[in-house]
PDB file of N, CA and C in Angstrom:
ATOM      1  N   UNK A   1     -72.964  29.542  52.793  1.00  0.00           N
ATOM      2  CA  UNK A   1     -71.855  28.619  52.816  1.00  0.00           C
ATOM      3  C   UNK A   1     -70.646  29.015  54.383  1.00  0.00           C
ATOM      4  N   UNK A   2     -70.111  28.174  54.646  1.00  0.00           N
ATOM      5  CA  UNK A   2     -69.298  28.336  56.087  1.00  0.00           C
ATOM      6  C   UNK A   2     -67.784  27.992  54.997  1.00  0.00           C
ATOM      7  N   UNK A   3     -67.018  28.585  55.581  1.00  0.00           N
ATOM      8  CA  UNK A   3     -65.578  28.776  54.926  1.00  0.00           C
ATOM      9  C   UNK A   3     -65.205  26.962  54.902  1.00  0.00           C
ATOM     10  N   UNK A   4     -65.473  26.401  55.825  1.00  0.00           N
ATOM     11  CA  UNK A   4     -65.080  25.053  56.266  1.00  0.00           C
ATOM     12  C   UNK A   4     -65.847  24.227  54.889  1.00  0.00           C
ATOM     13  N   UNK A   5     -66.965  24.315  54.686  1.00  0.00           N
ATOM     14  CA  UNK A   5     -67.571  23.762  53.629  1.00  0.00           C
ATOM     15  C   UNK A   5     -66.848  23.960  52.311  1.00  0.00           C
ATOM     16  N   UNK A   6     -66.724  25.487  51.993  1.00  0.00           N
ATOM     17  CA  UNK A   6     -66.041  25.960  50.395  1.00  0.00           C
ATOM     18  C   UNK A   6     -64.274  25.356  50.319  1.00  0.00           C
ATOM     19  N   UNK A   7     -64.163  24.989  51.551  1.00  0.00           N
ATOM     20  CA  UNK A   7     -62.376  24.490  51.212  1.00  0.00           C
ATOM     21  C   UNK A   7     -62.465  22.889  51.196  1.00  0.00           C
ATOM     22  N   UNK A   8     -63.701  22.500  51.549  1.00  0.00           N
ATOM     23  CA  UNK A   8     -64.085  21.063  51.652  1.00  0.00           C
ATOM     24  C   UNK A   8     -63.291  20.398  52.908  1.00  0.00           C
ATOM     25  N   UNK A   9     -62.862  20.797  54.322  1.00  0.00           N
ATOM     26  CA  UNK A   9     -62.294  20.392  55.505  1.00  0.00           C
ATOM     27  C   UNK A   9     -63.397  19.647  55.783  1.00  0.00           C
ATOM     28  N   UNK A  10     -62.692  18.322  56.248  1.00  0.00           N
ATOM     29  CA  UNK A  10     -63.953  17.222  56.970  1.00  0.00           C
ATOM     30  C   UNK A  10     -63.850  17.517  58.629  1.00  0.00           C
ATOM     31  N   UNK A  11     -64.927  17.288  59.162  1.00  0.00           N
ATOM     32  CA  UNK A  11     -64.865  17.196  60.401  1.00  0.00           C
ATOM     33  C   UNK A  11     -64.105  16.617  60.988  1.00  0.00           C
ATOM     34  N   UNK A  12     -63.962  16.988  62.317  1.00  0.00           N
ATOM     35  CA  UNK A  12     -62.503  16.093  63.358  1.00  0.00           C
ATOM     36  C   UNK A  12     -63.425  14.941  63.621  1.00  0.00           C
ATOM     37  N   UNK A  13     -62.723  13.762  63.414  1.00  0.00           N
ATOM     38  CA  UNK A  13     -63.258  12.877  63.916  1.00  0.00           C
ATOM     39  C   UNK A  13     -63.087  12.250  65.172  1.00  0.00           C
ATOM     40  N   UNK A  14     -63.973  11.410  66.022  1.00  0.00           N
ATOM     41  CA  UNK A  14     -63.556  11.056  67.685  1.00  0.00           C
ATOM     42  C   UNK A  14     -62.412  10.455  67.267  1.00  0.00           C
ATOM     43  N   UNK A  15     -61.906   9.761  66.713  1.00  0.00           N
ATOM     44  CA  UNK A  15     -60.302   9.517  66.984  1.00  0.00           C
ATOM     45  C   UNK A  15     -59.200  10.343  66.482  1.00  0.00           C
ATOM     46  N   UNK A  16     -60.001  11.828  66.300  1.00  0.00           N
ATOM     47  CA  UNK A  16     -58.642  12.783  66.445  1.00  0.00           C
ATOM     48  C   UNK A  16     -58.434  13.234  67.636  1.00  0.00           C
ATOM     49  N   UNK A  17     -60.109  13.530  68.030  1.00  0.00           N
ATOM     50  CA  UNK A  17     -60.354  14.242  69.506  1.00  0.00           C
ATOM     51  C   UNK A  17     -59.490  13.159  70.307  1.00  0.00           C
ATOM     52  N   UNK A  18     -59.284  11.624  70.476  1.00  0.00           N
ATOM     53  CA  UNK A  18     -59.103  11.143  71.673  1.00  0.00           C
ATOM     54  C   UNK A  18     -57.291  11.018  71.456  1.00  0.00           C
ATOM     55  N   UNK A  19     -57.106  11.118  70.040  1.00  0.00           N
ATOM     56  CA  UNK A  19     -55.638  11.189  69.991  1.00  0.00           C
ATOM     57  C   UNK A  19     -54.679  12.284  70.744  1.00  0.00           C
ATOM     58  N   UNK A  20     -55.604  13.444  70.960  1.00  0.00           N
ATOM     59  CA  UNK A  20     -54.899  14.728  71.494  1.00  0.00           C
ATOM     60  C   UNK A  20     -55.839  14.742  73.143  1.00  0.00           C
ATOM     61  N   UNK A  21     -55.233  13.759  73.887  1.00  0.00           N
ATOM     62  CA  UNK A  21     -56.035  14.135  75.570  1.00  0.00           C
ATOM     63  C   UNK A  21     -55.626  15.624  75.711  1.00  0.00           C
ATOM     64  N   UNK A  22     -54.540  16.005  75.776  1.00  0.00           N
ATOM     65  CA  UNK A  22     -54.295  16.990  75.816  1.00  0.00           C
ATOM     66  C   UNK A  22     -53.227  18.057  75.085  1.00  0.00           C
ATOM     67  N   UNK A  23     -53.583  19.333  74.784  1.00  0.00           N
ATOM     68  CA  UNK A  23     -52.591  20.093  73.863  1.00  0.00           C
ATOM     69  C   UNK A  23     -51.942  21.478  74.596  1.00  0.00           C
ATOM     70  N   UNK A  24     -50.570  21.345  74.590  1.00  0.00           N
ATOM     71  CA  UNK A  24     -50.525  22.670  75.229  1.00  0.00           C
ATOM     72  C   UNK A  24     -50.866  23.808  74.077  1.00  0.00           C
ATOM     73  N   UNK A  25     -51.649  24.606  74.530  1.00  0.00           N
ATOM     74  CA  UNK A  25     -52.233  25.520  73.498  1.00  0.00           C
ATOM     75  C   UNK A  25     -51.272  26.861  72.957  1.00  0.00           C
ATOM     76  N   UNK A  26     -50.667  27.336  74.251  1.00  0.00           N
ATOM     77  CA  UNK A  26     -49.493  28.027  73.777  1.00  0.00           C
ATOM     78  C   UNK A  26     -48.072  27.531  72.779  1.00  0.00           C
ATOM     79  N   UNK A  27     -47.994  26.189  72.988  1.00  0.00           N
ATOM     80  CA  UNK A  27     -46.665  25.441  72.384  1.00  0.00           C
ATOM     81  C   UNK A  27     -46.915  25.560  70.704  1.00  0.00           C
ATOM     82  N   UNK A  28     -48.106  24.611  70.658  1.00  0.00           N
ATOM     83  CA  UNK A  28     -48.428  25.163  69.254  1.00  0.00           C
ATOM     84  C   UNK A  28     -49.181  26.188  68.651  1.00  0.00           C
ATOM     85  N   UNK A  29     -49.327  27.445  69.196  1.00  0.00           N
ATOM     86  CA  UNK A  29     -49.547  28.649  68.785  1.00  0.00           C
ATOM     87  C   UNK A  29     -48.071  28.981  68.066  1.00  0.00           C
ATOM     88  N   UNK A  30     -46.848  28.967  69.097  1.00  0.00           N
ATOM     89  CA  UNK A  30     -45.581  29.307  69.291  1.00  0.00           C
ATOM     90  C   UNK A  30     -45.075  28.768  67.794  1.00  0.00           C
ATOM     91  N   UNK A  31     -45.319  27.210  67.486  1.00  0.00           N
ATOM     92  CA  UNK A  31     -45.104  26.604  66.277  1.00  0.00           C
ATOM     93  C   UNK A  31     -46.079  26.812  65.221  1.00  0.00           C
ATOM     94  N   UNK A  32     -46.782  27.358  64.895  1.00  0.00           N
ATOM     95  CA  UNK A  32     -47.982  27.613  64.037  1.00  0.00           C
ATOM     96  C   UNK A  32     -47.408  29.093  63.670  1.00  0.00           C
ATOM     97  N   UNK A  33     -46.939  29.797  64.479  1.00  0.00           N
ATOM     98  CA  UNK A  33     -46.514  31.510  64.084  1.00  0.00           C
ATOM     99  C   UNK A  33     -45.254  30.905  63.362  1.00  0.00           C
ATOM    100  N   UNK A  34     -44.250  30.374  64.115  1.00  0.00           N
ATOM    101  CA  UNK A  34     -42.957  30.142  63.061  1.00  0.00           C
ATOM    102  C   UNK A  34     -43.079  30.138  62.140  1.00  0.00           C
ATOM    103  N   UNK A  35     -44.144  28.765  62.224  1.00  0.00           N
ATOM    104  CA  UNK A  35     -44.032  28.244  60.558  1.00  0.00           C
ATOM    105  C   UNK A  35     -44.813  29.466  59.818  1.00  0.00           C
ATOM    106  N   UNK A  36     -45.685  30.241  60.000  1.00  0.00           N
ATOM    107  CA  UNK A  36     -46.188  30.904  59.017  1.00  0.00           C
ATOM    108  C   UNK A  36     -45.224  31.904  58.761  1.00  0.00           C
ATOM    109  N   UNK A  37     -44.812  32.385  59.724  1.00  0.00           N
ATOM    110  CA  UNK A  37     -43.777  33.529  59.353  1.00  0.00           C
ATOM    111  C   UNK A  37     -42.620  33.187  58.929  1.00  0.00           C
ATOM    112  N   UNK A  38     -42.121  31.940  58.793  1.00  0.00           N
ATOM    113  CA  UNK A  38     -40.757  31.293  58.090  1.00  0.00           C
ATOM    114  C   UNK A  38     -40.908  31.019  56.375  1.00  0.00           C
ATOM    115  N   UNK A  39     -42.173  31.027  56.587  1.00  0.00           N
ATOM    116  CA  UNK A  39     -42.865  30.433  54.731  1.00  0.00           C
ATOM    117  C   UNK A  39     -43.811  31.460  54.339  1.00  0.00           C
ATOM    118  N   UNK A  40     -43.926  32.880  55.137  1.00  0.00           N
ATOM    119  CA  UNK A  40     -44.736  33.698  54.448  1.00  0.00           C
ATOM    120  C   UNK A  40     -46.173  33.774  54.105  1.00  0.00           C
ATOM    121  N   UNK A  41     -46.726  32.879  55.023  1.00  0.00           N
ATOM    122  CA  UNK A  41     -48.141  32.250  54.857  1.00  0.00           C
ATOM    123  C   UNK A  41     -48.537  33.193  55.700  1.00  0.00           C
ATOM    124  N   UNK A  42     -50.179  33.792  54.850  1.00  0.00           N
ATOM    125  CA  UNK A  42     -51.084  34.764  55.755  1.00  0.00           C
ATOM    126  C   UNK A  42     -51.910  33.686  56.707  1.00  0.00           C
ATOM    127  N   UNK A  43     -52.292  34.532  57.723  1.00  0.00           N
ATOM    128  CA  UNK A  43     -53.208  34.344  58.591  1.00  0.00           C
ATOM    129  C   UNK A  43     -54.669  33.640  57.888  1.00  0.00           C
ATOM    130  N   UNK A  44     -54.670  34.445  56.738  1.00  0.00           N
ATOM    131  CA  UNK A  44     -56.155  34.446  56.254  1.00  0.00           C
ATOM    132  C   UNK A  44     -55.829  32.961  55.336  1.00  0.00           C
ATOM    133  N   UNK A  45     -54.632  32.692  54.704  1.00  0.00           N
ATOM    134  CA  UNK A  45     -54.427  32.140  53.845  1.00  0.00           C
ATOM    135  C   UNK A  45     -54.828  30.266  55.155  1.00  0.00           C
ATOM    136  N   UNK A  46     -53.971  30.433  56.205  1.00  0.00           N
ATOM    137  CA  UNK A  46     -53.807  29.188  56.755  1.00  0.00           C
ATOM    138  C   UNK A  46     -55.561  28.621  57.624  1.00  0.00           C
ATOM    139  N   UNK A  47     -55.871  29.939  57.861  1.00  0.00           N
ATOM    140  CA  UNK A  47     -57.377  30.270  58.217  1.00  0.00           C
ATOM    141  C   UNK A  47     -58.581  29.460  57.513  1.00  0.00           C
ATOM    142  N   UNK A  48     -57.977  29.855  56.377  1.00  0.00           N
ATOM    143  CA  UNK A  48     -59.453  29.246  55.271  1.00  0.00           C
ATOM    144  C   UNK A  48     -58.705  27.624  54.617  1.00  0.00           C
ATOM    145  N   UNK A  49     -57.755  27.886  54.881  1.00  0.00           N
ATOM    146  CA  UNK A  49     -57.110  26.658  54.271  1.00  0.00           C
ATOM    147  C   UNK A  49     -56.934  25.370  55.087  1.00  0.00           C
ATOM    148  N   UNK A  50     -56.370  25.770  56.612  1.00  0.00           N
ATOM    149  CA  UNK A  50     -55.950  24.732  57.212  1.00  0.00           C
ATOM    150  C   UNK A  50     -57.086  24.340  58.640  1.00  0.00           C
ATOM    151  N   UNK A  51     -57.742  25.960  58.653  1.00  0.00           N
ATOM    152  CA  UNK A  51     -58.721  25.846  59.818  1.00  0.00           C
ATOM    153  C   UNK A  51     -59.919  25.947  59.615  1.00  0.00           C
ATOM    154  N   UNK A  52     -60.290  26.260  58.213  1.00  0.00           N
ATOM    155  CA  UNK A  52     -61.475  26.552  58.255  1.00  0.00           C
ATOM    156  C   UNK A  52     -62.125  27.947  58.932  1.00  0.00           C
ATOM    157  N   UNK A  53     -61.505  29.188  59.098  1.00  0.00           N
ATOM    158  CA  UNK A  53     -61.834  30.079  59.788  1.00  0.00           C
ATOM    159  C   UNK A  53     -61.479  31.007  59.064  1.00  0.00           C
ATOM    160  N   UNK A  54     -61.796  32.204  59.688  1.00  0.00           N
ATOM    161  CA  UNK A  54     -61.644  33.775  58.971  1.00  0.00           C
ATOM    162  C   UNK A  54     -60.532  33.946  59.557  1.00  0.00           C
ATOM    163  N   UNK A  55     -59.453  34.915  59.013  1.00  0.00           N
ATOM    164  CA  UNK A  55     -58.311  35.732  59.433  1.00  0.00           C
ATOM    165  C   UNK A  55     -58.689  36.391  60.940  1.00  0.00           C
ATOM    166  N   UNK A  56     -60.006  36.641  61.013  1.00  0.00           N
ATOM    167  CA  UNK A  56     -60.003  37.396  62.269  1.00  0.00           C
ATOM    168  C   UNK A  56     -60.161  36.395  63.458  1.00  0.00           C
ATOM    169  N   UNK A  57     -60.838  35.337  63.099  1.00  0.00           N
ATOM    170  CA  UNK A  57     -60.924  34.211  64.052  1.00  0.00           C
ATOM    171  C   UNK A  57     -59.398  33.610  64.676  1.00  0.00           C
ATOM    172  N   UNK A  58     -58.576  33.303  63.187  1.00  0.00           N
ATOM    173  CA  UNK A  58     -57.091  32.872  63.544  1.00  0.00           C
ATOM    174  C   UNK A  58     -56.185  34.055  64.080  1.00  0.00           C
ATOM    175  N   UNK A  59     -56.619  35.009  64.263  1.00  0.00           N
ATOM    176  CA  UNK A  59     -55.756  36.156  64.554  1.00  0.00           C
ATOM    177  C   UNK A  59     -56.265  36.011  66.273  1.00  0.00           C
ATOM    178  N   UNK A  60     -57.354  35.877  66.921  1.00  0.00           N
ATOM    179  CA  UNK A  60     -57.678  35.864  68.049  1.00  0.00           C
ATOM    180  C   UNK A  60     -57.145  34.657  68.686  1.00  0.00           C
ATOM    181  N   UNK A  61     -57.239  33.496  67.905  1.00  0.00           N
ATOM    182  CA  UNK A  61     -56.529  32.259  68.334  1.00  0.00           C
ATOM    183  C   UNK A  61     -55.202  31.954  68.690  1.00  0.00           C
ATOM    184  N   UNK A  62     -54.783  32.918  67.780  1.00  0.00           N
ATOM    185  CA  UNK A  62     -53.190  32.944  67.707  1.00  0.00           C
ATOM    186  C   UNK A  62     -52.566  34.266  68.955  1.00  0.00           C
ATOM    187  N   UNK A  63     -53.445  35.283  69.112  1.00  0.00           N
ATOM    188  CA  UNK A  63     -52.662  36.008  69.633  1.00  0.00           C
ATOM    189  C   UNK A  63     -52.943  35.740  71.608  1.00  0.00           C
ATOM    190  N   UNK A  64     -54.199  35.124  71.380  1.00  0.00           N
ATOM    191  CA  UNK A  64     -54.486  34.684  72.804  1.00  0.00           C
ATOM    192  C   UNK A  64     -55.202  33.370  72.961  1.00  0.00           C
ATOM    193  N   UNK A  65     -54.096  32.530  73.029  1.00  0.00           N
ATOM    194  CA  UNK A  65     -54.874  30.733  73.273  1.00  0.00           C
ATOM    195  C   UNK A  65     -55.354  30.646  74.406  1.00  0.00           C
ATOM    196  N   UNK A  66     -56.430  30.139  74.903  1.00  0.00           N
ATOM    197  CA  UNK A  66     -57.051  29.619  75.863  1.00  0.00           C
ATOM    198  C   UNK A  66     -56.556  28.009  76.478  1.00  0.00           C
ATOM    199  N   UNK A  67     -56.685  27.922  77.766  1.00  0.00           N
ATOM    200  CA  UNK A  67     -55.917  26.467  78.006  1.00  0.00           C
ATOM    201  C   UNK A  67     -56.684  25.717  77.867  1.00  0.00           C
ATOM    202  N   UNK A  68     -56.240  24.273  76.997  1.00  0.00           N
ATOM    203  CA  UNK A  68     -56.735  23.079  76.698  1.00  0.00           C
ATOM    204  C   UNK A  68     -57.834  22.577  77.467  1.00  0.00           C
ATOM    205  N   UNK A  69     -57.668  23.069  78.774  1.00  0.00           N
ATOM    206  CA  UNK A  69     -58.903  22.745  79.880  1.00  0.00           C
ATOM    207  C   UNK A  69     -59.895  23.482  80.066  1.00  0.00           C
ATOM    208  N   UNK A  70     -59.980  24.904  79.336  1.00  0.00           N
ATOM    209  CA  UNK A  70     -60.885  25.439  79.277  1.00  0.00           C
ATOM    210  C   UNK A  70     -61.739  25.675  77.803  1.00  0.00           C
ATOM    211  N   UNK A  71     -61.555  25.138  77.051  1.00  0.00           N
ATOM    212  CA  UNK A  71     -61.958  24.790  75.768  1.00  0.00           C
ATOM    213  C   UNK A  71     -63.252  23.959  76.024  1.00  0.00           C
ATOM    214  N   UNK A  72     -64.099  24.086  74.803  1.00  0.00           N
ATOM    215  CA  UNK A  72     -65.181  23.275  74.739  1.00  0.00           C
ATOM    216  C   UNK A  72     -64.747  21.987  73.571  1.00  0.00           C
ATOM    217  N   UNK A  73     -65.545  21.392  73.072  1.00  0.00           N
ATOM    218  CA  UNK A  73     -65.068  20.655  72.316  1.00  0.00           C
ATOM    219  C   UNK A  73     -64.871  20.792  70.919  1.00  0.00           C
ATOM    220  N   UNK A  74     -66.021  21.973  70.798  1.00  0.00           N
ATOM    221  CA  UNK A  74     -65.583  22.752  69.301  1.00  0.00           C
ATOM    222  C   UNK A  74     -64.553  23.952  69.359  1.00  0.00           C
ATOM    223  N   UNK A  75     -64.383  24.514  70.312  1.00  0.00           N
ATOM    224  CA  UNK A  75     -63.246  25.245  70.774  1.00  0.00           C
ATOM    225  C   UNK A  75     -61.771  24.596  70.608  1.00  0.00           C
ATOM    226  N   UNK A  76     -61.797  23.407  70.951  1.00  0.00           N
ATOM    227  CA  UNK A  76     -60.693  22.440  70.735  1.00  0.00           C
ATOM    228  C   UNK A  76     -59.934  22.066  69.154  1.00  0.00           C
ATOM    229  N   UNK A  77     -61.553  22.270  68.048  1.00  0.00           N
ATOM    230  CA  UNK A  77     -61.089  21.803  66.865  1.00  0.00           C
ATOM    231  C   UNK A  77     -59.777  22.520  66.573  1.00  0.00           C
ATOM    232  N   UNK A  78     -59.975  23.739  66.304  1.00  0.00           N
ATOM    233  CA  UNK A  78     -58.835  24.503  65.916  1.00  0.00           C
ATOM    234  C   UNK A  78     -57.613  24.143  66.058  1.00  0.00           C
ATOM    235  N   UNK A  79     -57.159  23.823  67.265  1.00  0.00           N
ATOM    236  CA  UNK A  79     -56.278  23.162  68.052  1.00  0.00           C
ATOM    237  C   UNK A  79     -55.619  22.111  67.611  1.00  0.00           C
ATOM    238  N   UNK A  80     -56.732  21.151  67.488  1.00  0.00           N
ATOM    239  CA  UNK A  80     -56.355  19.634  66.982  1.00  0.00           C
ATOM    240  C   UNK A  80     -55.839  19.924  65.414  1.00  0.00           C
ATOM    241  N   UNK A  81     -56.177  20.463  64.783  1.00  0.00           N
ATOM    242  CA  UNK A  81     -56.298  20.975  63.478  1.00  0.00           C
ATOM    243  C   UNK A  81     -54.587  21.494  63.457  1.00  0.00           C
ATOM    244  N   UNK A  82     -54.254  22.024  63.840  1.00  0.00           N
ATOM    245  CA  UNK A  82     -53.091  22.536  64.233  1.00  0.00           C
ATOM    246  C   UNK A  82     -52.188  21.687  64.572  1.00  0.00           C
ATOM    247  N   UNK A  83     -52.314  20.623  65.323  1.00  0.00           N
ATOM    248  CA  UNK A  83     -51.404  19.879  65.613  1.00  0.00           C
ATOM    249  C   UNK A  83     -51.048  19.047  64.400  1.00  0.00           C
ATOM    250  N   UNK A  84     -52.539  18.401  63.658  1.00  0.00           N
ATOM    251  CA  UNK A  84     -52.011  17.471  62.724  1.00  0.00           C
ATOM    252  C   UNK A  84     -51.608  17.980  61.537  1.00  0.00           C
ATOM    253  N   UNK A  85     -51.359  19.206  61.533  1.00  0.00           N
ATOM    254  CA  UNK A  85     -50.995  20.467  60.160  1.00  0.00           C
ATOM    255  C   UNK A  85     -49.321  20.123  60.835  1.00  0.00           C
ATOM    256  N   UNK A  86     -49.045  20.388  61.768  1.00  0.00           N
ATOM    257  CA  UNK A  86     -47.954  20.468  62.083  1.00  0.00           C
ATOM    258  C   UNK A  86     -47.145  19.106  62.088  1.00  0.00           C
ATOM    259  N   UNK A  87     -47.893  17.942  62.776  1.00  0.00           N
ATOM    260  CA  UNK A  87     -47.568  16.575  62.346  1.00  0.00           C
ATOM    261  C   UNK A  87     -47.120  16.060  60.902  1.00  0.00           C
ATOM    262  N   UNK A  88     -48.007  16.869  59.868  1.00  0.00           N
ATOM    263  CA  UNK A  88     -47.741  16.346  58.378  1.00  0.00           C
ATOM    264  C   UNK A  88     -46.684  17.156  57.657  1.00  0.00           C
ATOM    265  N   UNK A  89     -46.418  18.412  58.342  1.00  0.00           N
ATOM    266  CA  UNK A  89     -45.429  19.199  58.142  1.00  0.00           C
ATOM    267  C   UNK A  89     -43.920  18.590  58.371  1.00  0.00           C
ATOM    268  N   UNK A  90     -44.072  18.103  59.544  1.00  0.00           N
ATOM    269  CA  UNK A  90     -43.205  17.340  60.323  1.00  0.00           C
ATOM    270  C   UNK A  90     -42.793  15.599  59.345  1.00  0.00           C
ATOM    271  N   UNK A  91     -43.429  15.340  59.245  1.00  0.00           N
ATOM    272  CA  UNK A  91     -43.545  14.070  58.389  1.00  0.00           C
ATOM    273  C   UNK A  91     -42.969  14.517  57.059  1.00  0.00           C
ATOM    274  N   UNK A  92     -43.297  15.237  56.483  1.00  0.00           N
ATOM    275  CA  UNK A  92     -43.007  15.914  54.805  1.00  0.00           C
ATOM    276  C   UNK A  92     -41.711  16.040  55.200  1.00  0.00           C
ATOM    277  N   UNK A  93     -41.158  16.958  55.907  1.00  0.00           N
ATOM    278  CA  UNK A  93     -39.789  17.310  56.370  1.00  0.00           C
ATOM    279  C   UNK A  93     -38.997  16.230  55.895  1.00  0.00           C
ATOM    280  N   UNK A  94     -39.197  15.482  57.299  1.00  0.00           N
ATOM    281  CA  UNK A  94     -38.191  14.197  57.380  1.00  0.00           C
ATOM    282  C   UNK A  94     -38.504  13.473  55.877  1.00  0.00           C
ATOM    283  N   UNK A  95     -39.530  13.412  55.330  1.00  0.00           N
ATOM    284  CA  UNK A  95     -39.336  12.664  54.402  1.00  0.00           C
ATOM    285  C   UNK A  95     -38.107  13.293  52.900  1.00  0.00           C
ATOM    286  N   UNK A  96     -38.387  14.738  53.079  1.00  0.00           N
ATOM    287  CA  UNK A  96     -37.560  15.360  51.972  1.00  0.00           C
ATOM    288  C   UNK A  96     -36.097  15.355  52.573  1.00  0.00           C
ATOM    289  N   UNK A  97     -35.668  15.280  53.814  1.00  0.00           N
ATOM    290  CA  UNK A  97     -34.324  15.179  54.222  1.00  0.00           C
ATOM    291  C   UNK A  97     -33.674  13.891  54.024  1.00  0.00           C
ATOM    292  N   UNK A  98     -34.858  12.636  54.032  1.00  0.00           N
ATOM    293  CA  UNK A  98     -34.370  11.214  53.532  1.00  0.00           C
ATOM    294  C   UNK A  98     -33.934  11.145  52.102  1.00  0.00           C
ATOM    295  N   UNK A  99     -34.928  11.742  51.181  1.00  0.00           N
ATOM    296  CA  UNK A  99     -34.670  11.766  49.549  1.00  0.00           C
ATOM    297  C   UNK A  99     -33.352  12.522  49.825  1.00  0.00           C
ATOM    298  N   UNK A 100     -33.076  13.517  50.148  1.00  0.00           N
ATOM    299  CA  UNK A 100     -31.686  14.314  50.211  1.00  0.00           C
ATOM    300  C   UNK A 100     -30.941  13.658  50.354  1.00  0.00           C
ATOM    301  N   UNK A 101     -30.725  12.475  51.605  1.00  0.00           N
ATOM    302  CA  UNK A 101     -29.790  12.050  51.904  1.00  0.00           C
ATOM    303  C   UNK A 101     -29.440  11.080  50.753  1.00  0.00           C
ATOM    304  N   UNK A 102     -30.625   9.974  50.295  1.00  0.00           N
ATOM    305  CA  UNK A 102     -30.485   9.303  49.192  1.00  0.00           C
ATOM    306  C   UNK A 102     -29.788   9.632  48.118  1.00  0.00           C
ATOM    307  N   UNK A 103     -30.154  10.549  47.705  1.00  0.00           N
ATOM    308  CA  UNK A 103     -30.103  11.633  46.376  1.00  0.00           C
ATOM    309  C   UNK A 103     -28.547  11.944  46.655  1.00  0.00           C
ATOM    310  N   UNK A 104     -28.147  12.619  47.648  1.00  0.00           N
ATOM    311  CA  UNK A 104     -26.457  12.902  48.031  1.00  0.00           C
ATOM    312  C   UNK A 104     -25.821  11.298  47.566  1.00  0.00           C
ATOM    313  N   UNK A 105     -26.358   9.882  48.417  1.00  0.00           N
ATOM    314  CA  UNK A 105     -25.625   9.228  48.424  1.00  0.00           C
ATOM    315  C   UNK A 105     -25.481   8.225  47.161  1.00  0.00           C
ATOM    316  N   UNK A 106     -26.508   8.691  46.087  1.00  0.00           N
ATOM    317  CA  UNK A 106     -26.582   8.192  45.013  1.00  0.00           C
ATOM    318  C   UNK A 106     -25.280   9.288  44.220  1.00  0.00           C
ATOM    319  N   UNK A 107     -25.140  10.320  44.382  1.00  0.00           N
ATOM    320  CA  UNK A 107     -24.379  11.415  44.074  1.00  0.00           C
ATOM    321  C   UNK A 107     -22.677  10.863  44.584  1.00  0.00           C
ATOM    322  N   UNK A 108     -22.439  10.695  45.559  1.00  0.00           N
ATOM    323  CA  UNK A 108     -21.451  10.039  46.298  1.00  0.00           C
ATOM    324  C   UNK A 108     -20.899   8.843  45.260  1.00  0.00           C
ATOM    325  N   UNK A 109     -21.527   8.116  45.091  1.00  0.00           N
ATOM    326  CA  UNK A 109     -21.731   6.468  44.687  1.00  0.00           C
ATOM    327  C   UNK A 109     -21.104   6.659  42.973  1.00  0.00           C
ATOM    328  N   UNK A 110     -21.716   7.777  42.719  1.00  0.00           N
ATOM    329  CA  UNK A 110     -21.192   7.495  41.524  1.00  0.00           C
ATOM    330  C   UNK A 110     -19.937   8.503  41.172  1.00  0.00           C
ATOM    331  N   UNK A 111     -19.460   9.342  41.847  1.00  0.00           N
ATOM    332  CA  UNK A 111     -18.033  10.387  42.274  1.00  0.00           C
ATOM    333  C   UNK A 111     -17.352   8.848  42.296  1.00  0.00           C
ATOM    334  N   UNK A 112     -17.132   7.871  43.024  1.00  0.00           N
ATOM    335  CA  UNK A 112     -16.401   7.188  43.839  1.00  0.00           C
ATOM    336  C   UNK A 112     -16.337   5.860  42.799  1.00  0.00           C
ATOM    337  N   UNK A 113     -17.418   5.660  41.444  1.00  0.00           N
ATOM    338  CA  UNK A 113     -17.328   5.022  40.408  1.00  0.00           C
ATOM    339  C   UNK A 113     -17.885   3.793  40.987  1.00  0.00           C
ATOM    340  N   UNK A 114     -18.533   3.908  42.350  1.00  0.00           N
ATOM    341  CA  UNK A 114     -19.494   2.622  42.351  1.00  0.00           C
ATOM    342  C   UNK A 114     -20.683   2.671  42.225  1.00  0.00           C
ATOM    343  N   UNK A 115     -21.750   1.891  41.991  1.00  0.00           N
ATOM    344  CA  UNK A 115     -22.642   2.023  41.596  1.00  0.00           C
ATOM    345  C   UNK A 115     -23.365   0.978  43.026  1.00  0.00           C
ATOM    346  N   UNK A 116     -24.562   1.884  43.717  1.00  0.00           N
ATOM    347  CA  UNK A 116     -25.188   1.204  44.266  1.00  0.00           C
ATOM    348  C   UNK A 116     -26.971   1.616  44.130  1.00  0.00           C
ATOM    349  N   UNK A 117     -27.399   0.513  44.378  1.00  0.00           N
ATOM    350  CA  UNK A 117     -28.988   0.660  44.060  1.00  0.00           C
ATOM    351  C   UNK A 117     -29.397   1.156  45.418  1.00  0.00           C
ATOM    352  N   UNK A 118     -30.466   2.411  45.808  1.00  0.00           N
ATOM    353  CA  UNK A 118     -31.108   2.541  46.778  1.00  0.00           C
ATOM    354  C   UNK A 118     -32.278   2.259  46.516  1.00  0.00           C
ATOM    355  N   UNK A 119     -32.926   2.103  47.863  1.00  0.00           N
ATOM    356  CA  UNK A 119     -34.511   1.511  47.636  1.00  0.00           C
ATOM    357  C   UNK A 119     -35.288   2.789  48.614  1.00  0.00           C
TER     358      UNK A 119
END
């Protein structure tokens, strides 16, 4: 049974392939490396849970990313998954910032003895 099947990763859809006409593979690899390092996430964990690949395959992708135009459709899949993952991370971070700003607004309004409804 492949790693992809074990962790239940769904195949990349045609829409997802079309969403990314071109990916700067070196840039996405740089973002992923920084994210993994900052969050103490191993290549093994990232590979198994996000890419459906072994640690060795992830290591190769991150060490020597091929140019987008040199990749087959199957070779592009991990980079699309990386882009989708980073998009989700950024959306989650933005949501957390918004929630934090709203919470600080509540605290400020309470300190000023004003009640303000935040939606």
